Amino acid sequence: MLEEAALMRTLCGTPSYLAPEVFTHAVTTGYGLAVDAWSLGVLLFVCLGGYPPFHENFGHQSIREQIIQGEFIMLPVKWKGISDQAKDVVRKLLVVDPVKRMKIEEALQHPWLQDPVMLEQAHRVMYPPAAAAAAMAPPQQPPPLPQAPPPQQEVSRRKRGREEKEEEEEHPAKRSQAPPPARP
């Protein structure tokens, strides 16, 4: 856990989710908690649009350069059923300048995340009727633990030991380089 004023300097994370300042400022001035807002923007983009905002097949730039420039495209065919408010949240989270980027607290207060219709839809997705009914049911008793098997006789243990040894000799992955012993 970091304090609000703490700066990080490590280049770590999944590349397509990294904020621009991780690439540009990690080793010099560092970066702050705004990187999490960027990553949330990438995650929302993927969830809503069905594809990543930054990808090696998009344009002639590397993923790193696309992120540093903040270049992404909301394909109309993929985003036609997504509300303008949802798109607004994503756009405000994927702002290159961390000072101008929407903070997580601001995102939580955004009209899209306060919209009763959206909240109801999200609730239905997260808690479908069958799951809701199961969640409301009293907890069931866990199944009884299996009983320890009765002690086996010495004869059967010796026999099992011989069978295991024979399997080891015949198993190709366990063969040694030496030729197998001759059998009478």
C-alpha atoms as a PDB file:
ATOM      1  CA  MET A   1       0.000   0.000   0.000  1.00  0.00           C
ATOM      2  CA  LEU A   2       1.347   3.366  -0.982  1.00  0.00           C
ATOM      3  CA  GLU A   3       0.629   6.810   0.307  1.00  0.00           C
ATOM      4  CA  GLU A   4      -0.929   9.240  -2.147  1.00  0.00           C
ATOM      5  CA  ALA A   5       2.335  11.181  -2.529  1.00  0.00           C
ATOM      6  CA  ALA A   6       4.502   8.087  -3.061  1.00  0.00           C
ATOM      7  CA  LEU A   7       6.016   7.565  -6.484  1.00  0.00           C
ATOM      8  CA  MET A   8       6.813   4.213  -8.023  1.00  0.00           C
ATOM      9  CA  ARG A   9       9.754   3.573 -10.327  1.00  0.00           C
ATOM     10  CA  THR A  10       9.423  -0.072 -11.328  1.00  0.00           C
ATOM     11  CA  LEU A  11       8.514  -1.050 -14.872  1.00  0.00           C
ATOM     12  CA  CYS A  12       6.103  -3.884 -14.182  1.00  0.00           C
ATOM     13  CA  GLY A  13       2.681  -5.057 -15.312  1.00  0.00           C
ATOM     14  CA  THR A  14       0.938  -6.396 -18.398  1.00  0.00           C
ATOM     15  CA  PRO A  15       2.221  -4.164 -21.234  1.00  0.00           C
ATOM     16  CA  SER A  16      -1.129  -3.404 -22.864  1.00  0.00           C
ATOM     17  CA  TYR A  17      -2.544  -2.237 -19.491  1.00  0.00           C
ATOM     18  CA  LEU A  18       0.385   0.004 -18.517  1.00  0.00           C
ATOM     19  CA  ALA A  19      -0.156   3.738 -18.321  1.00  0.00           C
ATOM     20  CA  PRO A  20       1.964   6.005 -20.539  1.00  0.00           C
ATOM     21  CA  GLU A  21       3.915   7.393 -17.586  1.00  0.00           C
ATOM     22  CA  VAL A  22       5.131   3.908 -16.687  1.00  0.00           C
ATOM     23  CA  PHE A  23       6.949   3.848 -20.029  1.00  0.00           C
ATOM     24  CA  THR A  24       8.071   7.472 -20.014  1.00  0.00           C
ATOM     25  CA  HIS A  25       8.736   8.333 -16.344  1.00  0.00           C
ATOM     26  CA  ALA A  26       9.358   5.060 -14.469  1.00  0.00           C
ATOM     27  CA  VAL A  27      13.131   5.395 -14.232  1.00  0.00           C
ATOM     28  CA  THR A  28      13.326   9.192 -13.971  1.00  0.00           C
ATOM     29  CA  THR A  29      10.577  10.968 -12.026  1.00  0.00           C
ATOM     30  CA  GLY A  30       8.442   7.914 -11.265  1.00  0.00           C
ATOM     31  CA  TYR A  31       4.681   7.572 -11.442  1.00  0.00           C
ATOM     32  CA  GLY A  32       1.736   7.640  -9.057  1.00  0.00           C
ATOM     33  CA  LEU A  33      -1.573   5.972  -8.391  1.00  0.00           C
ATOM     34  CA  ALA A  34      -3.087   7.441 -11.569  1.00  0.00           C
ATOM     35  CA  VAL A  35      -1.698   4.363 -13.356  1.00  0.00           C
ATOM     36  CA  ASP A  36      -4.508   2.351 -11.765  1.00  0.00           C
ATOM     37  CA  ALA A  37      -7.123   4.637 -13.324  1.00  0.00           C
ATOM     38  CA  TRP A  38      -5.509   4.083 -16.735  1.00  0.00           C
ATOM     39  CA  SER A  39      -5.552   0.306 -16.237  1.00  0.00           C
ATOM     40  CA  LEU A  40      -9.211   0.510 -15.224  1.00  0.00           C
ATOM     41  CA  GLY A  41      -9.878   2.408 -18.454  1.00  0.00           C
ATOM     42  CA  VAL A  42      -8.200  -0.360 -20.468  1.00  0.00           C
ATOM     43  CA  LEU A  43     -10.205  -2.993 -18.597  1.00  0.00           C
ATOM     44  CA  LEU A  44     -13.500  -1.175 -19.184  1.00  0.00           C
ATOM     45  CA  PHE A  45     -12.598  -0.709 -22.848  1.00  0.00           C
ATOM     46  CA  VAL A  46     -12.071  -4.476 -23.227  1.00  0.00           C
ATOM     47  CA  CYS A  47     -15.247  -5.352 -21.312  1.00  0.00           C
ATOM     48  CA  LEU A  48     -17.464  -2.897 -23.192  1.00  0.00           C
ATOM     49  CA  GLY A  49     -15.922  -3.010 -26.668  1.00  0.00           C
ATOM     50  CA  GLY A  50     -14.816  -6.631 -26.755  1.00  0.00           C
ATOM     51  CA  TYR A  51     -11.278  -5.872 -27.945  1.00  0.00           C
ATOM     52  CA  PRO A  52      -8.211  -4.136 -26.458  1.00  0.00           C
ATOM     53  CA  PRO A  53      -7.629  -0.437 -27.093  1.00  0.00           C
ATOM     54  CA  PHE A  54      -3.937  -1.021 -27.836  1.00  0.00           C
ATOM     55  CA  HIS A  55      -2.806  -3.913 -29.988  1.00  0.00           C
ATOM     56  CA  GLU A  56       0.099  -4.700 -32.274  1.00  0.00           C
ATOM     57  CA  ASN A  57      -2.253  -5.098 -35.249  1.00  0.00           C
ATOM     58  CA  PHE A  58      -3.645  -1.556 -34.873  1.00  0.00           C
ATOM     59  CA  GLY A  59      -1.795   0.935 -37.020  1.00  0.00           C
ATOM     60  CA  HIS A  60       1.911   1.056 -37.685  1.00  0.00           C
ATOM     61  CA  GLN A  61       3.029   1.794 -34.125  1.00  0.00           C
ATOM     62  CA  SER A  62       4.047  -0.577 -31.385  1.00  0.00           C
ATOM     63  CA  ILE A  63       1.700  -1.075 -28.432  1.00  0.00           C
ATOM     64  CA  ARG A  64       4.088   1.044 -26.360  1.00  0.00           C
ATOM     65  CA  GLU A  65       3.888   3.957 -28.825  1.00  0.00           C
ATOM     66  CA  GLN A  66       0.092   3.672 -29.095  1.00  0.00           C
ATOM     67  CA  ILE A  67      -0.137   3.922 -25.295  1.00  0.00           C
ATOM     68  CA  ILE A  68       2.333   6.817 -25.033  1.00  0.00           C
ATOM     69  CA  GLN A  69       0.349   8.721 -27.693  1.00  0.00           C
ATOM     70  CA  GLY A  70      -3.011   7.626 -26.232  1.00  0.00           C
ATOM     71  CA  GLU A  71      -4.175   6.449 -29.647  1.00  0.00           C
ATOM     72  CA  PHE A  72      -7.141   4.118 -29.622  1.00  0.00           C
ATOM     73  CA  ILE A  73     -10.233   3.738 -31.780  1.00  0.00           C
ATOM     74  CA  MET A  74     -13.740   2.915 -30.639  1.00  0.00           C
ATOM     75  CA  LEU A  75     -14.985   0.966 -33.645  1.00  0.00           C
ATOM     76  CA  PRO A  76     -18.610   2.000 -34.269  1.00  0.00           C
ATOM     77  CA  VAL A  77     -19.693  -1.558 -35.027  1.00  0.00           C
ATOM     78  CA  LYS A  78     -18.431  -2.674 -31.586  1.00  0.00           C
ATOM     79  CA  TRP A  79     -19.503   0.393 -29.596  1.00  0.00           C
ATOM     80  CA  LYS A  80     -22.941   1.079 -31.137  1.00  0.00           C
ATOM     81  CA  GLY A  81     -24.851  -0.433 -28.205  1.00  0.00           C
ATOM     82  CA  ILE A  82     -22.706   1.230 -25.534  1.00  0.00           C
ATOM     83  CA  SER A  83     -24.059   4.364 -23.874  1.00  0.00           C
ATOM     84  CA  ASP A  84     -22.389   7.737 -24.353  1.00  0.00           C
ATOM     85  CA  GLN A  85     -21.888   7.914 -20.584  1.00  0.00           C
ATOM     86  CA  ALA A  86     -19.954   4.618 -20.575  1.00  0.00           C
ATOM     87  CA  LYS A  87     -17.806   5.834 -23.462  1.00  0.00           C
ATOM     88  CA  ASP A  88     -17.198   9.069 -21.557  1.00  0.00           C
ATOM     89  CA  VAL A  89     -15.820   7.176 -18.538  1.00  0.00           C
ATOM     90  CA  VAL A  90     -13.465   5.160 -20.739  1.00  0.00           C
ATOM     91  CA  ARG A  91     -12.230   8.252 -22.598  1.00  0.00           C
ATOM     92  CA  LYS A  92     -11.621  10.143 -19.348  1.00  0.00           C
ATOM     93  CA  LEU A  93      -9.687   7.225 -17.862  1.00  0.00           C
ATOM     94  CA  LEU A  94      -7.507   6.827 -20.976  1.00  0.00           C
ATOM     95  CA  VAL A  95      -6.071  10.347 -20.866  1.00  0.00           C
ATOM     96  CA  VAL A  96      -2.298  10.404 -21.366  1.00  0.00           C
ATOM     97  CA  ASP A  97      -1.590  13.189 -18.849  1.00  0.00           C
ATOM     98  CA  PRO A  98      -2.030  11.633 -15.371  1.00  0.00           C
ATOM     99  CA  VAL A  99      -2.909  15.044 -13.890  1.00  0.00           C
ATOM    100  CA  LYS A 100      -5.846  15.407 -16.312  1.00  0.00           C
ATOM    101  CA  ARG A 101      -6.894  11.731 -16.073  1.00  0.00           C
ATOM    102  CA  MET A 102     -10.084  10.930 -14.191  1.00  0.00           C
ATOM    103  CA  LYS A 103      -9.360   9.612 -10.713  1.00  0.00           C
ATOM    104  CA  ILE A 104     -10.957   6.403  -9.435  1.00  0.00           C
ATOM    105  CA  GLU A 105     -13.045   8.385  -6.928  1.00  0.00           C
ATOM    106  CA  GLU A 106     -14.342  10.592  -9.758  1.00  0.00           C
ATOM    107  CA  ALA A 107     -15.143   7.532 -11.868  1.00  0.00           C
ATOM    108  CA  LEU A 108     -17.229   6.092  -9.029  1.00  0.00           C
ATOM    109  CA  GLN A 109     -19.249   9.330  -8.943  1.00  0.00           C
ATOM    110  CA  HIS A 110     -19.661   9.509 -12.735  1.00  0.00           C
ATOM    111  CA  PRO A 111     -23.302   9.556 -13.902  1.00  0.00           C
ATOM    112  CA  TRP A 112     -22.801   6.250 -15.736  1.00  0.00           C
ATOM    113  CA  LEU A 113     -21.907   4.458 -12.509  1.00  0.00           C
ATOM    114  CA  GLN A 114     -24.773   6.172 -10.684  1.00  0.00           C
ATOM    115  CA  ASP A 115     -27.412   5.408 -13.350  1.00  0.00           C
ATOM    116  CA  PRO A 116     -30.161   3.175 -11.860  1.00  0.00           C
ATOM    117  CA  VAL A 117     -30.771   1.349 -15.169  1.00  0.00           C
ATOM    118  CA  MET A 118     -27.076   0.525 -15.547  1.00  0.00           C
ATOM    119  CA  LEU A 119     -26.855  -0.533 -11.896  1.00  0.00           C
ATOM    120  CA  GLU A 120     -29.822  -2.885 -12.370  1.00  0.00           C
ATOM    121  CA  GLN A 121     -28.281  -4.391 -15.510  1.00  0.00           C
ATOM    122  CA  ALA A 122     -24.946  -4.851 -13.750  1.00  0.00           C
ATOM    123  CA  HIS A 123     -26.712  -6.485 -10.803  1.00  0.00           C
ATOM    124  CA  ARG A 124     -28.508  -8.927 -13.131  1.00  0.00           C
ATOM    125  CA  VAL A 125     -25.204  -9.834 -14.814  1.00  0.00           C
ATOM    126  CA  MET A 126     -23.372 -10.321 -11.534  1.00  0.00           C
ATOM    127  CA  TYR A 127     -26.253 -12.043  -9.754  1.00  0.00           C
ATOM    128  CA  PRO A 128     -28.394 -13.996 -12.232  1.00  0.00           C
ATOM    129  CA  PRO A 129     -31.682 -15.370 -10.874  1.00  0.00           C
ATOM    130  CA  ALA A 130     -30.342 -18.919 -10.290  1.00  0.00           C
ATOM    131  CA  ALA A 131     -27.277 -17.589  -8.500  1.00  0.00           C
ATOM    132  CA  ALA A 132     -29.414 -15.150  -6.520  1.00  0.00           C
ATOM    133  CA  ALA A 133     -31.659 -17.961  -5.336  1.00  0.00           C
ATOM    134  CA  ALA A 134     -28.654 -20.064  -4.394  1.00  0.00           C
ATOM    135  CA  ALA A 135     -27.134 -17.111  -2.564  1.00  0.00           C
ATOM    136  CA  MET A 136     -30.313 -16.648  -0.524  1.00  0.00           C
ATOM    137  CA  ALA A 137     -30.587 -20.324   0.439  1.00  0.00           C
ATOM    138  CA  PRO A 138     -29.246 -21.327   3.849  1.00  0.00           C
ATOM    139  CA  PRO A 139     -25.762 -22.807   3.675  1.00  0.00           C
ATOM    140  CA  GLN A 140     -25.651 -26.557   3.283  1.00  0.00           C
ATOM    141  CA  GLN A 141     -23.690 -28.793   5.588  1.00  0.00           C
ATOM    142  CA  PRO A 142     -20.399 -29.829   4.036  1.00  0.00           C
ATOM    143  CA  PRO A 143     -20.162 -33.492   3.074  1.00  0.00           C
ATOM    144  CA  PRO A 144     -18.595 -35.711   5.723  1.00  0.00           C
ATOM    145  CA  LEU A 145     -14.866 -36.218   5.473  1.00  0.00           C
ATOM    146  CA  PRO A 146     -13.838 -39.608   4.095  1.00  0.00           C
ATOM    147  CA  GLN A 147     -12.856 -42.179   6.678  1.00  0.00           C
ATOM    148  CA  ALA A 148      -9.264 -43.332   6.775  1.00  0.00           C
ATOM    149  CA  PRO A 149      -8.924 -46.704   5.028  1.00  0.00           C
ATOM    150  CA  PRO A 150      -8.468 -49.691   7.312  1.00  0.00           C
ATOM    151  CA  PRO A 151      -4.860 -50.810   7.762  1.00  0.00           C
ATOM    152  CA  GLN A 152      -3.818 -53.197   5.037  1.00  0.00           C
ATOM    153  CA  GLN A 153      -2.100 -56.474   5.679  1.00  0.00           C
ATOM    154  CA  GLU A 154       1.644 -56.769   5.165  1.00  0.00           C
ATOM    155  CA  VAL A 155       1.168 -59.195   2.248  1.00  0.00           C
ATOM    156  CA  SER A 156      -0.849 -56.747   0.160  1.00  0.00           C
ATOM    157  CA  ARG A 157       1.725 -53.973   0.782  1.00  0.00           C
ATOM    158  CA  ARG A 158       4.526 -56.195  -0.453  1.00  0.00           C
ATOM    159  CA  LYS A 159       2.503 -57.163  -3.509  1.00  0.00           C
ATOM    160  CA  ARG A 160       1.721 -53.513  -4.269  1.00  0.00           C
ATOM    161  CA  GLY A 161       5.412 -52.678  -3.924  1.00  0.00           C
ATOM    162  CA  ARG A 162       6.297 -55.342  -6.537  1.00  0.00           C
ATOM    163  CA  GLU A 163       3.634 -54.019  -8.928  1.00  0.00           C
ATOM    164  CA  GLU A 164       4.914 -50.452  -8.559  1.00  0.00           C
ATOM    165  CA  LYS A 165       8.465 -51.626  -9.208  1.00  0.00           C
ATOM    166  CA  GLU A 166       7.373 -53.486 -12.363  1.00  0.00           C
ATOM    167  CA  GLU A 167       5.514 -50.371 -13.580  1.00  0.00           C
ATOM    168  CA  GLU A 168       8.625 -48.269 -13.037  1.00  0.00           C
ATOM    169  CA  GLU A 169      10.698 -50.701 -15.076  1.00  0.00           C
ATOM    170  CA  GLU A 170       8.224 -50.690 -17.955  1.00  0.00           C
ATOM    171  CA  HIS A 171       7.362 -46.990 -17.949  1.00  0.00           C
ATOM    172  CA  PRO A 172       9.281 -45.360 -20.857  1.00  0.00           C
ATOM    173  CA  ALA A 173       9.780 -42.045 -19.061  1.00  0.00           C
ATOM    174  CA  LYS A 174      11.489 -43.795 -16.182  1.00  0.00           C
ATOM    175  CA  ARG A 175      13.848 -46.002 -18.189  1.00  0.00           C
ATOM    176  CA  SER A 176      17.518 -45.632 -17.491  1.00  0.00           C
ATOM    177  CA  GLN A 177      20.167 -45.522 -20.195  1.00  0.00           C
ATOM    178  CA  ALA A 178      21.497 -48.912 -19.107  1.00  0.00           C
ATOM    179  CA  PRO A 179      19.979 -51.936 -20.810  1.00  0.00           C
ATOM    180  CA  PRO A 180      17.222 -53.658 -18.810  1.00  0.00           C
ATOM    181  CA  PRO A 181      18.277 -56.630 -16.699  1.00  0.00           C
ATOM    182  CA  ALA A 182      17.864 -60.020 -18.355  1.00  0.00           C
ATOM    183  CA  ARG A 183      14.794 -61.949 -17.275  1.00  0.00           C
ATOM    184  CA  PRO A 184      14.806 -65.715 -16.870  1.00  0.00           C
END
